[in-house]
PDB file of all heavy atoms in Angstrom:
ATOM      1  N   ALA A   1     -16.450  -0.186  -3.797  1.00  0.00           N
ATOM      2  CA  ALA A   1     -15.443   0.366  -2.904  1.00  0.00           C
ATOM      3  C   ALA A   1     -14.110  -0.409  -3.048  1.00  0.00           C
ATOM      4  O   ALA A   1     -14.090  -1.624  -2.964  1.00  0.00           O
ATOM      5  CB  ALA A   1     -15.929   0.265  -1.461  1.00  0.00           C
ATOM      6  N   PRO A   2     -13.054   0.306  -3.006  1.00  0.00           N
ATOM      7  CA  PRO A   2     -11.726  -0.398  -3.207  1.00  0.00           C
ATOM      8  C   PRO A   2     -11.352  -1.144  -1.886  1.00  0.00           C
ATOM      9  O   PRO A   2     -11.754  -0.704  -0.806  1.00  0.00           O
ATOM     10  CB  PRO A   2     -10.791   0.699  -3.465  1.00  0.00           C
ATOM     11  CG  PRO A   2     -11.384   1.911  -3.020  1.00  0.00           C
ATOM     12  CD  PRO A   2     -12.845   1.701  -3.129  1.00  0.00           C
ATOM     13  N   LYS A   3     -10.788  -2.333  -2.055  1.00  0.00           N
ATOM     14  CA  LYS A   3     -10.297  -3.040  -0.836  1.00  0.00           C
ATOM     15  C   LYS A   3      -9.147  -2.149  -0.253  1.00  0.00           C
ATOM     16  O   LYS A   3      -8.247  -1.586  -1.024  1.00  0.00           O
ATOM     17  CB  LYS A   3      -9.731  -4.418  -1.324  1.00  0.00           C
ATOM     18  CG  LYS A   3      -9.094  -5.128  -0.205  1.00  0.00           C
ATOM     19  CD  LYS A   3      -8.496  -6.485  -0.700  1.00  0.00           C
ATOM     20  CE  LYS A   3      -7.760  -7.165   0.418  1.00  0.00           C
ATOM     21  NZ  LYS A   3      -7.135  -8.414  -0.013  1.00  0.00           N
ATOM     22  N   THR A   4      -9.031  -2.095   1.037  1.00  0.00           N
ATOM     23  CA  THR A   4      -8.040  -1.386   1.667  1.00  0.00           C
ATOM     24  C   THR A   4      -6.937  -2.460   2.211  1.00  0.00           C
ATOM     25  O   THR A   4      -7.331  -3.286   3.041  1.00  0.00           O
ATOM     26  CB  THR A   4      -8.544  -0.620   2.856  1.00  0.00           C
ATOM     27  OG1 THR A   4      -9.407   0.423   2.395  1.00  0.00           O
ATOM     28  CG2 THR A   4      -7.409   0.020   3.632  1.00  0.00           C
ATOM     29  N   TYR A   5      -5.774  -2.346   1.750  1.00  0.00           N
ATOM     30  CA  TYR A   5      -4.768  -3.342   2.093  1.00  0.00           C
ATOM     31  C   TYR A   5      -4.109  -2.736   3.342  1.00  0.00           C
ATOM     32  O   TYR A   5      -3.931  -1.500   3.441  1.00  0.00           O
ATOM     33  CB  TYR A   5      -3.665  -3.394   0.983  1.00  0.00           C
ATOM     34  CG  TYR A   5      -4.084  -4.128  -0.193  1.00  0.00           C
ATOM     35  CD1 TYR A   5      -4.905  -3.546  -1.210  1.00  0.00           C
ATOM     36  CD2 TYR A   5      -3.836  -5.543  -0.321  1.00  0.00           C
ATOM     37  CE1 TYR A   5      -5.262  -4.275  -2.413  1.00  0.00           C
ATOM     38  CE2 TYR A   5      -4.253  -6.240  -1.545  1.00  0.00           C
ATOM     39  CZ  TYR A   5      -4.892  -5.573  -2.400  1.00  0.00           C
ATOM     40  OH  TYR A   5      -5.358  -6.316  -3.530  1.00  0.00           O
ATOM     41  N   THR A   6      -3.852  -3.634   4.328  1.00  0.00           N
ATOM     42  CA  THR A   6      -3.256  -3.175   5.541  1.00  0.00           C
ATOM     43  C   THR A   6      -1.847  -3.895   5.743  1.00  0.00           C
ATOM     44  O   THR A   6      -1.263  -3.831   6.798  1.00  0.00           O
ATOM     45  CB  THR A   6      -4.151  -3.535   6.780  1.00  0.00           C
ATOM     46  OG1 THR A   6      -4.436  -4.905   6.796  1.00  0.00           O
ATOM     47  CG2 THR A   6      -5.451  -2.762   6.754  1.00  0.00           C
ATOM     48  N   SER A   7      -1.433  -4.535   4.738  1.00  0.00           N
ATOM     49  CA  SER A   7      -0.058  -5.292   4.764  1.00  0.00           C
ATOM     50  C   SER A   7       0.593  -4.932   3.469  1.00  0.00           C
ATOM     51  O   SER A   7       0.096  -5.137   2.419  1.00  0.00           O
ATOM     52  CB  SER A   7      -0.245  -6.791   4.913  1.00  0.00           C
ATOM     53  OG  SER A   7       0.804  -7.472   4.524  1.00  0.00           O
ATOM     54  N   LEU A   8       1.817  -4.436   3.648  1.00  0.00           N
ATOM     55  CA  LEU A   8       2.605  -4.145   2.512  1.00  0.00           C
ATOM     56  C   LEU A   8       2.921  -5.434   1.719  1.00  0.00           C
ATOM     57  O   LEU A   8       2.861  -5.439   0.526  1.00  0.00           O
ATOM     58  CB  LEU A   8       3.908  -3.425   2.886  1.00  0.00           C
ATOM     59  CG  LEU A   8       4.787  -2.968   1.739  1.00  0.00           C
ATOM     60  CD1 LEU A   8       4.055  -1.956   0.899  1.00  0.00           C
ATOM     61  CD2 LEU A   8       6.055  -2.292   2.244  1.00  0.00           C
ATOM     62  N   GLU A   9       3.246  -6.518   2.431  1.00  0.00           N
ATOM     63  CA  GLU A   9       3.557  -7.862   1.795  1.00  0.00           C
ATOM     64  C   GLU A   9       2.382  -8.259   0.903  1.00  0.00           C
ATOM     65  O   GLU A   9       2.548  -8.704  -0.191  1.00  0.00           O
ATOM     66  CB  GLU A   9       3.769  -8.862   2.888  1.00  0.00           C
ATOM     67  CG  GLU A   9       4.101 -10.216   2.276  1.00  0.00           C
ATOM     68  CD  GLU A   9       4.450 -11.216   3.443  1.00  0.00           C
ATOM     69  OE1 GLU A   9       4.963 -10.778   4.511  1.00  0.00           O
ATOM     70  OE2 GLU A   9       4.232 -12.416   3.222  1.00  0.00           O
ATOM     71  N   GLU A  10       1.104  -8.178   1.445  1.00  0.00           N
ATOM     72  CA  GLU A  10      -0.107  -8.571   0.702  1.00  0.00           C
ATOM     73  C   GLU A  10      -0.265  -7.677  -0.528  1.00  0.00           C
ATOM     74  O   GLU A  10      -0.643  -8.090  -1.546  1.00  0.00           O
ATOM     75  CB  GLU A  10      -1.342  -8.509   1.619  1.00  0.00           C
ATOM     76  CG  GLU A  10      -2.527  -9.082   1.059  1.00  0.00           C
ATOM     77  CD  GLU A  10      -2.535 -10.610   0.768  1.00  0.00           C
ATOM     78  OE1 GLU A  10      -1.749 -11.283   1.512  1.00  0.00           O
ATOM     79  OE2 GLU A  10      -3.178 -11.033  -0.112  1.00  0.00           O
ATOM     80  N   ALA A  11      -0.077  -6.406  -0.247  1.00  0.00           N
ATOM     81  CA  ALA A  11      -0.306  -5.339  -1.376  1.00  0.00           C
ATOM     82  C   ALA A  11       0.647  -5.650  -2.596  1.00  0.00           C
ATOM     83  O   ALA A  11       0.310  -5.447  -3.703  1.00  0.00           O
ATOM     84  CB  ALA A  11      -0.212  -3.987  -0.849  1.00  0.00           C
ATOM     85  N   MET A  12       1.911  -6.038  -2.244  1.00  0.00           N
ATOM     86  CA  MET A  12       2.798  -6.142  -3.283  1.00  0.00           C
ATOM     87  C   MET A  12       2.765  -7.506  -4.112  1.00  0.00           C
ATOM     88  O   MET A  12       3.398  -7.635  -5.124  1.00  0.00           O
ATOM     89  CB  MET A  12       4.226  -6.255  -2.573  1.00  0.00           C
ATOM     90  CG  MET A  12       4.710  -4.839  -2.059  1.00  0.00           C
ATOM     91  SD  MET A  12       4.616  -3.582  -3.348  1.00  0.00           S
ATOM     92  CE  MET A  12       5.704  -4.131  -4.591  1.00  0.00           C
ATOM     93  N   LYS A  13       1.704  -8.298  -3.782  1.00  0.00           N
ATOM     94  CA  LYS A  13       1.449  -9.435  -4.545  1.00  0.00           C
ATOM     95  C   LYS A  13       0.841  -8.989  -5.859  1.00  0.00           C
ATOM     96  O   LYS A  13       1.041  -9.639  -6.875  1.00  0.00           O
ATOM     97  CB  LYS A  13       0.561 -10.412  -3.844  1.00  0.00           C
ATOM     98  CG  LYS A  13       1.247 -11.135  -2.656  1.00  0.00           C
ATOM     99  CD  LYS A  13       0.140 -12.088  -1.891  1.00  0.00           C
ATOM    100  CE  LYS A  13       0.898 -12.715  -0.812  1.00  0.00           C
ATOM    101  NZ  LYS A  13      -0.062 -13.495  -0.027  1.00  0.00           N
ATOM    102  N   HIS A  14       0.063  -7.882  -5.804  1.00  0.00           N
ATOM    103  CA  HIS A  14      -0.485  -7.284  -7.046  1.00  0.00           C
ATOM    104  C   HIS A  14      -0.556  -5.847  -6.907  1.00  0.00           C
ATOM    105  O   HIS A  14      -1.630  -5.146  -6.728  1.00  0.00           O
ATOM    106  CB  HIS A  14      -1.961  -7.810  -7.277  1.00  0.00           C
ATOM    107  CG  HIS A  14      -2.102  -9.321  -7.317  1.00  0.00           C
ATOM    108  ND1 HIS A  14      -1.774 -10.000  -8.410  1.00  0.00           N
ATOM    109  CD2 HIS A  14      -2.442 -10.289  -6.545  1.00  0.00           C
ATOM    110  CE1 HIS A  14      -1.872 -11.287  -8.371  1.00  0.00           C
ATOM    111  NE2 HIS A  14      -2.299 -11.543  -7.142  1.00  0.00           N
ATOM    112  N   PRO A  15       0.618  -5.132  -6.996  1.00  0.00           N
ATOM    113  CA  PRO A  15       0.728  -3.683  -6.699  1.00  0.00           C
ATOM    114  C   PRO A  15      -0.208  -2.883  -7.695  1.00  0.00           C
ATOM    115  O   PRO A  15      -0.719  -1.804  -7.380  1.00  0.00           O
ATOM    116  CB  PRO A  15       2.137  -3.381  -6.915  1.00  0.00           C
ATOM    117  CG  PRO A  15       2.752  -4.509  -7.635  1.00  0.00           C
ATOM    118  CD  PRO A  15       1.959  -5.706  -7.282  1.00  0.00           C
ATOM    119  N   GLU A  16      -0.413  -3.398  -8.919  1.00  0.00           N
ATOM    120  CA  GLU A  16      -1.237  -2.606  -9.849  1.00  0.00           C
ATOM    121  C   GLU A  16      -2.725  -2.588  -9.454  1.00  0.00           C
ATOM    122  O   GLU A  16      -3.523  -1.770  -9.999  1.00  0.00           O
ATOM    123  CB  GLU A  16      -1.083  -3.270 -11.329  1.00  0.00           C
ATOM    124  CG  GLU A  16      -1.765  -4.624 -11.478  1.00  0.00           C
ATOM    125  CD  GLU A  16      -1.028  -5.764 -10.873  1.00  0.00           C
ATOM    126  OE1 GLU A  16       0.131  -5.633 -10.388  1.00  0.00           O
ATOM    127  OE2 GLU A  16      -1.607  -6.904 -10.867  1.00  0.00           O
ATOM    128  N   LYS A  17      -3.135  -3.479  -8.604  1.00  0.00           N
ATOM    129  CA  LYS A  17      -4.607  -3.514  -8.191  1.00  0.00           C
ATOM    130  C   LYS A  17      -4.793  -2.747  -6.926  1.00  0.00           C
ATOM    131  O   LYS A  17      -5.885  -2.511  -6.529  1.00  0.00           O
ATOM    132  CB  LYS A  17      -4.958  -4.913  -7.856  1.00  0.00           C
ATOM    133  CG  LYS A  17      -4.999  -5.800  -9.117  1.00  0.00           C
ATOM    134  CD  LYS A  17      -5.525  -7.228  -8.865  1.00  0.00           C
ATOM    135  CE  LYS A  17      -5.591  -8.048 -10.105  1.00  0.00           C
ATOM    136  NZ  LYS A  17      -6.076  -9.336  -9.826  1.00  0.00           N
ATOM    137  N   VAL A  18      -3.798  -2.170  -6.272  1.00  0.00           N
ATOM    138  CA  VAL A  18      -3.914  -1.533  -4.950  1.00  0.00           C
ATOM    139  C   VAL A  18      -4.429  -0.053  -5.200  1.00  0.00           C
ATOM    140  O   VAL A  18      -3.824   0.720  -5.906  1.00  0.00           O
ATOM    141  CB  VAL A  18      -2.608  -1.498  -4.140  1.00  0.00           C
ATOM    142  CG1 VAL A  18      -2.748  -0.716  -2.842  1.00  0.00           C
ATOM    143  CG2 VAL A  18      -2.107  -2.910  -3.963  1.00  0.00           C
ATOM    144  N   GLU A  19      -5.613   0.191  -4.653  1.00  0.00           N
ATOM    145  CA  GLU A  19      -6.150   1.543  -4.635  1.00  0.00           C
ATOM    146  C   GLU A  19      -6.137   2.205  -3.376  1.00  0.00           C
ATOM    147  O   GLU A  19      -6.182   3.471  -3.156  1.00  0.00           O
ATOM    148  CB  GLU A  19      -7.566   1.507  -5.152  1.00  0.00           C
ATOM    149  CG  GLU A  19      -7.696   0.962  -6.533  1.00  0.00           C
ATOM    150  CD  GLU A  19      -9.063   0.921  -7.175  1.00  0.00           C
ATOM    151  OE1 GLU A  19      -9.999   1.510  -6.573  1.00  0.00           O
ATOM    152  OE2 GLU A  19      -9.327   0.249  -8.132  1.00  0.00           O
ATOM    153  N   SER A  20      -6.139   1.419  -2.224  1.00  0.00           N
ATOM    154  CA  SER A  20      -6.143   1.914  -0.839  1.00  0.00           C
ATOM    155  C   SER A  20      -5.188   1.168  -0.039  1.00  0.00           C
ATOM    156  O   SER A  20      -5.236  -0.076   0.058  1.00  0.00           O
ATOM    157  CB  SER A  20      -7.595   1.793  -0.293  1.00  0.00           C
ATOM    158  OG  SER A  20      -7.651   2.386   0.981  1.00  0.00           O
ATOM    159  N   LEU A  21      -4.300   1.901   0.618  1.00  0.00           N
ATOM    160  CA  LEU A  21      -3.315   1.267   1.524  1.00  0.00           C
ATOM    161  C   LEU A  21      -3.190   1.913   2.837  1.00  0.00           C
ATOM    162  O   LEU A  21      -3.059   3.196   2.923  1.00  0.00           O
ATOM    163  CB  LEU A  21      -1.896   1.239   0.831  1.00  0.00           C
ATOM    164  CG  LEU A  21      -0.678   0.721   1.566  1.00  0.00           C
ATOM    165  CD1 LEU A  21      -0.902  -0.831   1.766  1.00  0.00           C
ATOM    166  CD2 LEU A  21       0.588   0.981   0.884  1.00  0.00           C
ATOM    167  N   THR A  22      -3.271   1.119   3.982  1.00  0.00           N
ATOM    168  CA  THR A  22      -3.131   1.650   5.290  1.00  0.00           C
ATOM    169  C   THR A  22      -1.985   0.959   6.010  1.00  0.00           C
ATOM    170  O   THR A  22      -2.068  -0.284   6.160  1.00  0.00           O
ATOM    171  CB  THR A  22      -4.452   1.406   6.137  1.00  0.00           C
ATOM    172  OG1 THR A  22      -5.478   2.243   5.508  1.00  0.00           O
ATOM    173  CG2 THR A  22      -4.304   1.863   7.472  1.00  0.00           C
ATOM    174  N   LEU A  23      -0.931   1.747   6.248  1.00  0.00           N
ATOM    175  CA  LEU A  23       0.204   1.224   6.962  1.00  0.00           C
ATOM    176  C   LEU A  23       0.328   2.111   8.352  1.00  0.00           C
ATOM    177  O   LEU A  23       1.408   2.561   8.677  1.00  0.00           O
ATOM    178  CB  LEU A  23       1.396   1.308   6.230  1.00  0.00           C
ATOM    179  CG  LEU A  23       1.409   0.483   5.071  1.00  0.00           C
ATOM    180  CD1 LEU A  23       2.818   0.593   4.199  1.00  0.00           C
ATOM    181  CD2 LEU A  23       1.228  -1.066   5.357  1.00  0.00           C
ATOM    182  N   ALA A  24      -0.792   2.378   8.988  1.00  0.00           N
ATOM    183  CA  ALA A  24      -0.812   3.161  10.262  1.00  0.00           C
ATOM    184  C   ALA A  24      -0.256   2.307  11.309  1.00  0.00           C
ATOM    185  O   ALA A  24      -0.377   1.071  11.371  1.00  0.00           O
ATOM    186  CB  ALA A  24      -2.170   3.678  10.519  1.00  0.00           C
ATOM    187  N   TRP A  25       0.485   2.970  12.328  1.00  0.00           N
ATOM    188  CA  TRP A  25       0.913   2.289  13.515  1.00  0.00           C
ATOM    189  C   TRP A  25       1.953   1.208  13.366  1.00  0.00           C
ATOM    190  O   TRP A  25       1.914   0.207  13.940  1.00  0.00           O
ATOM    191  CB  TRP A  25      -0.171   1.684  14.380  1.00  0.00           C
ATOM    192  CG  TRP A  25      -1.272   2.667  14.879  1.00  0.00           C
ATOM    193  CD1 TRP A  25      -2.401   2.967  14.323  1.00  0.00           C
ATOM    194  CD2 TRP A  25      -1.021   3.512  16.083  1.00  0.00           C
ATOM    195  NE1 TRP A  25      -2.981   4.036  15.087  1.00  0.00           N
ATOM    196  CE2 TRP A  25      -2.239   4.365  16.136  1.00  0.00           C
ATOM    197  CE3 TRP A  25      -0.027   3.680  17.001  1.00  0.00           C
ATOM    198  CZ2 TRP A  25      -2.320   5.262  17.185  1.00  0.00           C
ATOM    199  CZ3 TRP A  25      -0.293   4.670  18.042  1.00  0.00           C
ATOM    200  CH2 TRP A  25      -1.366   5.369  18.064  1.00  0.00           C
ATOM    201  N   GLU A  26       2.699   1.412  12.159  1.00  0.00           N
ATOM    202  CA  GLU A  26       3.725   0.346  11.742  1.00  0.00           C
ATOM    203  C   GLU A  26       5.131   0.733  12.267  1.00  0.00           C
ATOM    204  O   GLU A  26       6.164   0.043  11.953  1.00  0.00           O
ATOM    205  CB  GLU A  26       3.658   0.174  10.269  1.00  0.00           C
ATOM    206  CG  GLU A  26       2.396  -0.463   9.817  1.00  0.00           C
ATOM    207  CD  GLU A  26       2.269  -1.901  10.121  1.00  0.00           C
ATOM    208  OE1 GLU A  26       3.302  -2.514  10.305  1.00  0.00           O
ATOM    209  OE2 GLU A  26       1.064  -2.314  10.259  1.00  0.00           O
ATOM    210  N   ARG A  27       5.249   1.838  12.913  1.00  0.00           N
ATOM    211  CA  ARG A  27       6.578   2.324  13.389  1.00  0.00           C
ATOM    212  C   ARG A  27       7.534   2.561  12.304  1.00  0.00           C
ATOM    213  O   ARG A  27       8.758   2.351  12.415  1.00  0.00           O
ATOM    214  CB  ARG A  27       7.150   1.408  14.416  1.00  0.00           C
ATOM    215  CG  ARG A  27       6.394   1.225  15.697  1.00  0.00           C
ATOM    216  CD  ARG A  27       7.079   0.336  16.675  1.00  0.00           C
ATOM    217  NE  ARG A  27       6.267   0.184  17.989  1.00  0.00           N
ATOM    218  CZ  ARG A  27       5.992  -0.977  18.473  1.00  0.00           C
ATOM    219  NH1 ARG A  27       6.596  -2.072  18.124  1.00  0.00           N
ATOM    220  NH2 ARG A  27       5.263  -1.002  19.639  1.00  0.00           N
ATOM    221  N   LEU A  28       7.039   3.024  11.085  1.00  0.00           N
ATOM    222  CA  LEU A  28       7.893   3.251   9.951  1.00  0.00           C
ATOM    223  C   LEU A  28       8.764   4.427  10.238  1.00  0.00           C
ATOM    224  O   LEU A  28       8.285   5.458  10.603  1.00  0.00           O
ATOM    225  CB  LEU A  28       7.021   3.467   8.739  1.00  0.00           C
ATOM    226  CG  LEU A  28       6.222   2.356   8.294  1.00  0.00           C
ATOM    227  CD1 LEU A  28       5.262   2.741   7.155  1.00  0.00           C
ATOM    228  CD2 LEU A  28       6.863   1.085   7.866  1.00  0.00           C
ATOM    229  N   ARG A  29      10.049   4.362   9.962  1.00  0.00           N
ATOM    230  CA  ARG A  29      10.919   5.576  10.030  1.00  0.00           C
ATOM    231  C   ARG A  29      11.232   6.031   8.653  1.00  0.00           C
ATOM    232  O   ARG A  29      11.554   7.174   8.526  1.00  0.00           O
ATOM    233  CB  ARG A  29      12.232   5.056  10.777  1.00  0.00           C
ATOM    234  CG  ARG A  29      11.955   4.794  12.234  1.00  0.00           C
ATOM    235  CD  ARG A  29      13.329   4.438  12.850  1.00  0.00           C
ATOM    236  NE  ARG A  29      13.115   4.085  14.281  1.00  0.00           N
ATOM    237  CZ  ARG A  29      13.248   4.889  15.302  1.00  0.00           C
ATOM    238  NH1 ARG A  29      13.456   6.144  14.993  1.00  0.00           N
ATOM    239  NH2 ARG A  29      13.092   4.457  16.537  1.00  0.00           N
ATOM    240  N   THR A  30      11.225   5.125   7.709  1.00  0.00           N
ATOM    241  CA  THR A  30      11.373   5.499   6.303  1.00  0.00           C
ATOM    242  C   THR A  30      10.201   5.132   5.330  1.00  0.00           C
ATOM    243  O   THR A  30       9.491   4.112   5.751  1.00  0.00           O
ATOM    244  CB  THR A  30      12.624   4.972   5.626  1.00  0.00           C
ATOM    245  OG1 THR A  30      12.586   3.467   5.850  1.00  0.00           O
ATOM    246  CG2 THR A  30      13.926   5.443   6.486  1.00  0.00           C
ATOM    247  N   PHE A  31      10.022   5.828   4.351  1.00  0.00           N
ATOM    248  CA  PHE A  31       8.871   5.498   3.436  1.00  0.00           C
ATOM    249  C   PHE A  31       9.214   4.187   2.674  1.00  0.00           C
ATOM    250  O   PHE A  31      10.280   4.070   2.020  1.00  0.00           O
ATOM    251  CB  PHE A  31       8.764   6.686   2.443  1.00  0.00           C
ATOM    252  CG  PHE A  31       7.625   6.468   1.503  1.00  0.00           C
ATOM    253  CD1 PHE A  31       6.367   6.864   1.771  1.00  0.00           C
ATOM    254  CD2 PHE A  31       7.895   6.043   0.200  1.00  0.00           C
ATOM    255  CE1 PHE A  31       5.331   6.754   0.807  1.00  0.00           C
ATOM    256  CE2 PHE A  31       6.952   5.822  -0.756  1.00  0.00           C
ATOM    257  CZ  PHE A  31       5.588   6.205  -0.417  1.00  0.00           C
ATOM    258  N   PRO A  32       8.307   3.195   2.664  1.00  0.00           N
ATOM    259  CA  PRO A  32       8.569   2.013   1.915  1.00  0.00           C
ATOM    260  C   PRO A  32       8.520   2.327   0.390  1.00  0.00           C
ATOM    261  O   PRO A  32       7.446   2.608  -0.150  1.00  0.00           O
ATOM    262  CB  PRO A  32       7.462   1.081   2.360  1.00  0.00           C
ATOM    263  CG  PRO A  32       6.875   1.617   3.698  1.00  0.00           C
ATOM    264  CD  PRO A  32       7.072   3.111   3.525  1.00  0.00           C
ATOM    265  N   LYS A  33       9.649   2.193  -0.209  1.00  0.00           N
ATOM    266  CA  LYS A  33       9.785   2.554  -1.697  1.00  0.00           C
ATOM    267  C   LYS A  33       8.787   1.592  -2.479  1.00  0.00           C
ATOM    268  O   LYS A  33       8.468   1.963  -3.659  1.00  0.00           O
ATOM    269  CB  LYS A  33      11.167   2.297  -2.213  1.00  0.00           C
ATOM    270  CG  LYS A  33      12.111   3.299  -1.493  1.00  0.00           C
ATOM    271  CD  LYS A  33      12.126   4.636  -2.282  1.00  0.00           C
ATOM    272  CE  LYS A  33      13.290   5.441  -1.843  1.00  0.00           C
ATOM    273  NZ  LYS A  33      13.544   6.611  -2.646  1.00  0.00           N
ATOM    274  N   GLU A  34       8.401   0.423  -1.972  1.00  0.00           N
ATOM    275  CA  GLU A  34       7.532  -0.438  -2.698  1.00  0.00           C
ATOM    276  C   GLU A  34       6.251   0.183  -3.049  1.00  0.00           C
ATOM    277  O   GLU A  34       5.569  -0.049  -4.038  1.00  0.00           O
ATOM    278  CB  GLU A  34       7.269  -1.673  -1.928  1.00  0.00           C
ATOM    279  CG  GLU A  34       8.365  -2.560  -1.642  1.00  0.00           C
ATOM    280  CD  GLU A  34       9.221  -2.217  -0.350  1.00  0.00           C
ATOM    281  OE1 GLU A  34       9.059  -1.125   0.212  1.00  0.00           O
ATOM    282  OE2 GLU A  34      10.012  -3.089   0.034  1.00  0.00           O
ATOM    283  N   ILE A  35       5.794   1.136  -2.195  1.00  0.00           N
ATOM    284  CA  ILE A  35       4.501   1.916  -2.495  1.00  0.00           C
ATOM    285  C   ILE A  35       4.540   2.584  -3.811  1.00  0.00           C
ATOM    286  O   ILE A  35       3.516   2.716  -4.498  1.00  0.00           O
ATOM    287  CB  ILE A  35       4.361   2.867  -1.322  1.00  0.00           C
ATOM    288  CG1 ILE A  35       4.074   2.079  -0.082  1.00  0.00           C
ATOM    289  CG2 ILE A  35       3.156   3.806  -1.692  1.00  0.00           C
ATOM    290  CD1 ILE A  35       3.889   3.049   1.212  1.00  0.00           C
ATOM    291  N   LEU A  36       5.791   3.050  -4.325  1.00  0.00           N
ATOM    292  CA  LEU A  36       5.832   3.662  -5.580  1.00  0.00           C
ATOM    293  C   LEU A  36       5.426   2.809  -6.819  1.00  0.00           C
ATOM    294  O   LEU A  36       5.204   3.289  -7.838  1.00  0.00           O
ATOM    295  CB  LEU A  36       7.233   4.262  -5.725  1.00  0.00           C
ATOM    296  CG  LEU A  36       7.677   5.183  -4.597  1.00  0.00           C
ATOM    297  CD1 LEU A  36       9.228   5.639  -4.841  1.00  0.00           C
ATOM    298  CD2 LEU A  36       6.802   6.544  -4.664  1.00  0.00           C
ATOM    299  N   GLN A  37       5.345   1.490  -6.565  1.00  0.00           N
ATOM    300  CA  GLN A  37       4.978   0.590  -7.634  1.00  0.00           C
ATOM    301  C   GLN A  37       3.416   0.483  -7.742  1.00  0.00           C
ATOM    302  O   GLN A  37       2.883   0.010  -8.737  1.00  0.00           O
ATOM    303  CB  GLN A  37       5.476  -0.830  -7.445  1.00  0.00           C
ATOM    304  CG  GLN A  37       6.966  -0.870  -7.387  1.00  0.00           C
ATOM    305  CD  GLN A  37       7.436  -2.168  -7.030  1.00  0.00           C
ATOM    306  OE1 GLN A  37       6.917  -3.262  -7.443  1.00  0.00           O
ATOM    307  NE2 GLN A  37       8.580  -2.302  -6.197  1.00  0.00           N
ATOM    308  N   MET A  38       2.689   1.158  -6.837  1.00  0.00           N
ATOM    309  CA  MET A  38       1.352   1.052  -6.786  1.00  0.00           C
ATOM    310  C   MET A  38       0.616   2.222  -7.600  1.00  0.00           C
ATOM    311  O   MET A  38       0.105   3.165  -7.034  1.00  0.00           O
ATOM    312  CB  MET A  38       0.748   0.984  -5.392  1.00  0.00           C
ATOM    313  CG  MET A  38       1.336  -0.140  -4.560  1.00  0.00           C
ATOM    314  SD  MET A  38       0.938   0.016  -2.848  1.00  0.00           S
ATOM    315  CE  MET A  38       2.019  -1.406  -2.255  1.00  0.00           C
ATOM    316  N   LYS A  39       0.639   2.112  -8.881  1.00  0.00           N
ATOM    317  CA  LYS A  39       0.312   3.224  -9.713  1.00  0.00           C
ATOM    318  C   LYS A  39      -1.172   3.576  -9.849  1.00  0.00           C
ATOM    319  O   LYS A  39      -1.586   4.623 -10.234  1.00  0.00           O
ATOM    320  CB  LYS A  39       0.747   2.912 -11.269  1.00  0.00           C
ATOM    321  CG  LYS A  39       2.266   2.756 -11.409  1.00  0.00           C
ATOM    322  CD  LYS A  39       2.995   3.961 -10.979  1.00  0.00           C
ATOM    323  CE  LYS A  39       4.502   3.816 -11.092  1.00  0.00           C
ATOM    324  NZ  LYS A  39       5.272   4.943 -10.516  1.00  0.00           N
ATOM    325  N   ASN A  40      -2.010   2.643  -9.141  1.00  0.00           N
ATOM    326  CA  ASN A  40      -3.438   2.973  -9.154  1.00  0.00           C
ATOM    327  C   ASN A  40      -3.783   3.435  -7.695  1.00  0.00           C
ATOM    328  O   ASN A  40      -5.020   3.491  -7.433  1.00  0.00           O
ATOM    329  CB  ASN A  40      -4.220   1.729  -9.616  1.00  0.00           C
ATOM    330  CG  ASN A  40      -4.112   1.585 -11.041  1.00  0.00           C
ATOM    331  OD1 ASN A  40      -4.318   2.500 -11.902  1.00  0.00           O
ATOM    332  ND2 ASN A  40      -3.699   0.433 -11.543  1.00  0.00           N
ATOM    333  N   LEU A  41      -2.849   3.721  -6.873  1.00  0.00           N
ATOM    334  CA  LEU A  41      -3.113   4.065  -5.483  1.00  0.00           C
ATOM    335  C   LEU A  41      -3.905   5.386  -5.502  1.00  0.00           C
ATOM    336  O   LEU A  41      -3.500   6.314  -6.015  1.00  0.00           O
ATOM    337  CB  LEU A  41      -1.856   4.095  -4.725  1.00  0.00           C
ATOM    338  CG  LEU A  41      -1.892   4.277  -3.218  1.00  0.00           C
ATOM    339  CD1 LEU A  41      -2.676   3.034  -2.594  1.00  0.00           C
ATOM    340  CD2 LEU A  41      -0.524   4.461  -2.598  1.00  0.00           C
ATOM    341  N   GLN A  42      -4.970   5.364  -4.674  1.00  0.00           N
ATOM    342  CA  GLN A  42      -5.820   6.499  -4.508  1.00  0.00           C
ATOM    343  C   GLN A  42      -5.748   7.077  -3.063  1.00  0.00           C
ATOM    344  O   GLN A  42      -5.906   8.308  -2.841  1.00  0.00           O
ATOM    345  CB  GLN A  42      -7.216   6.244  -4.935  1.00  0.00           C
ATOM    346  CG  GLN A  42      -7.399   5.874  -6.400  1.00  0.00           C
ATOM    347  CD  GLN A  42      -8.838   5.508  -6.779  1.00  0.00           C
ATOM    348  OE1 GLN A  42      -9.742   5.682  -5.890  1.00  0.00           O
ATOM    349  NE2 GLN A  42      -8.917   4.874  -7.796  1.00  0.00           N
ATOM    350  N   ARG A  43      -5.710   6.164  -2.209  1.00  0.00           N
ATOM    351  CA  ARG A  43      -5.722   6.483  -0.787  1.00  0.00           C
ATOM    352  C   ARG A  43      -4.525   5.866   0.036  1.00  0.00           C
ATOM    353  O   ARG A  43      -4.451   4.640  -0.122  1.00  0.00           O
ATOM    354  CB  ARG A  43      -7.023   6.100  -0.115  1.00  0.00           C
ATOM    355  CG  ARG A  43      -8.197   6.819  -0.661  1.00  0.00           C
ATOM    356  CD  ARG A  43      -9.545   6.329  -0.060  1.00  0.00           C
ATOM    357  NE  ARG A  43     -10.557   7.050  -0.722  1.00  0.00           N
ATOM    358  CZ  ARG A  43     -11.744   7.190  -0.310  1.00  0.00           C
ATOM    359  NH1 ARG A  43     -12.070   6.732   0.874  1.00  0.00           N
ATOM    360  NH2 ARG A  43     -12.651   7.940  -0.954  1.00  0.00           N
ATOM    361  N   LEU A  44      -3.816   6.718   0.706  1.00  0.00           N
ATOM    362  CA  LEU A  44      -2.584   6.248   1.505  1.00  0.00           C
ATOM    363  C   LEU A  44      -2.705   6.761   2.882  1.00  0.00           C
ATOM    364  O   LEU A  44      -2.666   7.964   3.104  1.00  0.00           O
ATOM    365  CB  LEU A  44      -1.385   6.737   0.807  1.00  0.00           C
ATOM    366  CG  LEU A  44       0.012   6.486   1.427  1.00  0.00           C
ATOM    367  CD1 LEU A  44       0.100   4.868   1.504  1.00  0.00           C
ATOM    368  CD2 LEU A  44       1.132   6.970   0.623  1.00  0.00           C
TER     369      LEU A  44
END
């Protein structure tokens, strides 16, 4: 099972390894463009 990252900062240490990212309840008004570097992302 892929590790689910819950911190953008932590995920960006190795964006190529991120398969699952949860940024729920973060009060985001704009999409974090850093997510676009996570080419193996399966779940957002």
